[in-house]
Amino acid sequence: MRDGYLLKKLNSDPENGIALLIKEYGGLVYSVVNGRLGSGEFCSEDIENCVSDVFSEFYMALPSYSPDKGSISGYLCVIARHNVLQERSGSATTSLVVIGSRSLATHSTVAKNDF
């Protein structure tokens, strides 16, 4: 699936756009997070929460995303690595993201300037 199509979908139909984004890149994000948190120190729920947070934070940071600077997969990997570092340091925070009619709780934050 092309990044351009995903971006259009995220902007025009956020709920379905997020679903497509997760379908396309969920395995990649899970691999990045699990590879860094899956050593037994963190439970599977922590890993799943971190993965979910990556997609929520990507959506929140969407206005600052520029395809000219890199692919969606690269951007998601940067967010995943950032969230893992936050999780490991214990400095994760909680926020709420509303996408369409759904609310997603996220416990890590990414500043716009991190990318």
Protein backbone atom coordinates (compact mmCIF):
# COMPACT_ATOMS: atom_id res chain seq x y z
CA MET A 1 0.00 0.00 0.00
CA ARG A 2 1.37 3.40 -0.88
CA ASP A 3 2.02 6.04 1.74
CA GLY A 4 0.15 8.65 -0.28
CA TYR A 5 -3.03 6.56 -0.18
CA LEU A 6 -2.67 6.05 3.57
CA LEU A 7 -2.20 9.77 4.14
CA LYS A 8 -5.30 10.60 2.11
CA LYS A 9 -7.28 8.01 4.04
CA LEU A 10 -6.01 9.28 7.40
CA ASN A 11 -7.11 12.79 6.49
CA SER A 12 -10.46 11.95 4.88
CA ASP A 13 -11.56 8.98 7.03
CA PRO A 14 -9.39 8.77 10.17
CA GLU A 15 -10.96 5.62 11.64
CA ASN A 16 -10.47 3.57 8.49
CA GLY A 17 -7.12 5.26 7.86
CA ILE A 18 -5.81 4.15 11.25
CA ALA A 19 -7.15 0.63 10.63
CA LEU A 20 -5.30 0.50 7.29
CA LEU A 21 -2.16 1.94 8.88
CA ILE A 22 -2.19 -0.74 11.59
CA LYS A 23 -2.86 -3.47 9.03
CA GLU A 24 0.04 -2.29 6.89
CA TYR A 25 2.62 -1.47 9.57
CA GLY A 26 1.44 -3.24 12.73
CA GLY A 27 3.89 -6.10 12.33
CA LEU A 28 6.81 -3.76 11.80
CA VAL A 29 5.98 -1.61 14.83
CA TYR A 30 5.39 -4.67 16.99
CA SER A 31 8.76 -6.06 15.92
CA VAL A 32 10.57 -2.84 16.86
CA VAL A 33 8.85 -2.56 20.24
CA ASN A 34 9.03 -6.25 21.13
CA GLY A 35 12.69 -6.38 20.12
CA ARG A 36 13.48 -3.73 22.71
CA LEU A 37 10.93 -4.46 25.45
CA GLY A 38 10.36 -8.19 25.03
CA SER A 39 13.30 -9.30 27.14
CA GLY A 40 11.06 -10.31 30.04
CA GLU A 41 11.25 -7.01 31.88
CA PHE A 42 7.93 -5.88 30.39
CA CYS A 43 4.71 -7.89 30.06
CA SER A 44 2.86 -8.41 26.78
CA GLU A 45 0.31 -5.78 27.81
CA ASP A 46 3.07 -3.17 28.13
CA ILE A 47 4.31 -4.10 24.67
CA GLU A 48 0.81 -3.94 23.17
CA ASN A 49 0.18 -0.56 24.83
CA CYS A 50 3.44 0.78 23.46
CA VAL A 51 2.53 -0.43 19.94
CA SER A 52 -0.90 1.17 20.20
CA ASP A 53 0.69 4.40 21.37
CA VAL A 54 2.89 4.52 18.28
CA PHE A 55 -0.13 4.68 15.98
CA SER A 56 -1.93 7.21 18.20
CA GLU A 57 1.12 9.43 18.27
CA PHE A 58 1.63 9.15 14.53
CA TYR A 59 -1.92 10.39 14.06
CA MET A 60 -1.36 13.27 16.49
CA ALA A 61 1.87 14.21 14.71
CA LEU A 62 0.35 13.84 11.24
CA PRO A 63 0.30 17.61 10.55
CA SER A 64 4.08 17.72 11.01
CA TYR A 65 4.77 14.61 8.90
CA SER A 66 6.40 15.33 5.56
CA PRO A 67 6.74 12.51 3.01
CA ASP A 68 9.75 14.38 1.62
CA LYS A 69 11.65 13.68 4.85
CA GLY A 70 10.97 9.94 4.94
CA SER A 71 8.49 7.13 4.67
CA ILE A 72 5.63 6.39 7.04
CA SER A 73 7.40 3.18 8.07
CA GLY A 74 10.52 5.12 9.02
CA TYR A 75 8.50 7.69 10.94
CA LEU A 76 6.65 4.94 12.82
CA CYS A 77 9.95 3.26 13.71
CA VAL A 78 11.32 6.51 15.12
CA ILE A 79 8.18 6.96 17.24
CA ALA A 80 8.43 3.32 18.37
CA ARG A 81 12.06 3.70 19.43
CA HIS A 82 11.22 6.94 21.23
CA ASN A 83 8.32 5.29 23.08
CA VAL A 84 10.50 2.34 24.06
CA LEU A 85 13.05 4.72 25.55
CA GLN A 86 10.27 6.53 27.43
CA GLU A 87 8.88 3.22 28.69
CA ARG A 88 12.27 1.98 29.81
CA SER A 89 13.08 5.22 31.61
CA GLY A 90 9.70 5.28 33.31
CA SER A 91 8.93 8.76 32.02
CA ALA A 92 5.86 7.89 29.97
CA THR A 93 2.87 10.21 30.37
CA THR A 94 -0.84 9.74 29.71
CA SER A 95 -2.94 11.58 27.14
CA LEU A 96 -6.13 10.96 25.17
CA VAL A 97 -6.41 10.95 21.39
CA VAL A 98 -9.79 11.22 19.67
CA ILE A 99 -9.96 9.72 16.17
CA GLY A 100 -13.38 10.01 14.61
CA SER A 101 -15.85 8.67 17.16
CA ARG A 102 -13.20 6.67 19.04
CA SER A 103 -10.88 7.69 21.83
CA LEU A 104 -7.48 6.10 22.26
CA ALA A 105 -5.53 6.41 25.48
CA THR A 106 -1.82 6.83 24.99
CA HIS A 107 0.73 6.93 27.75
CA SER A 108 3.75 8.34 25.90
CA THR A 109 4.14 11.62 24.09
CA VAL A 110 6.23 12.68 21.13
CA ALA A 111 7.13 16.30 20.65
CA LYS A 112 6.83 17.69 17.13
CA ASN A 113 10.53 18.59 17.15
CA ASP A 114 11.63 14.99 17.79
CA PHE A 115 11.57 14.37 14.06
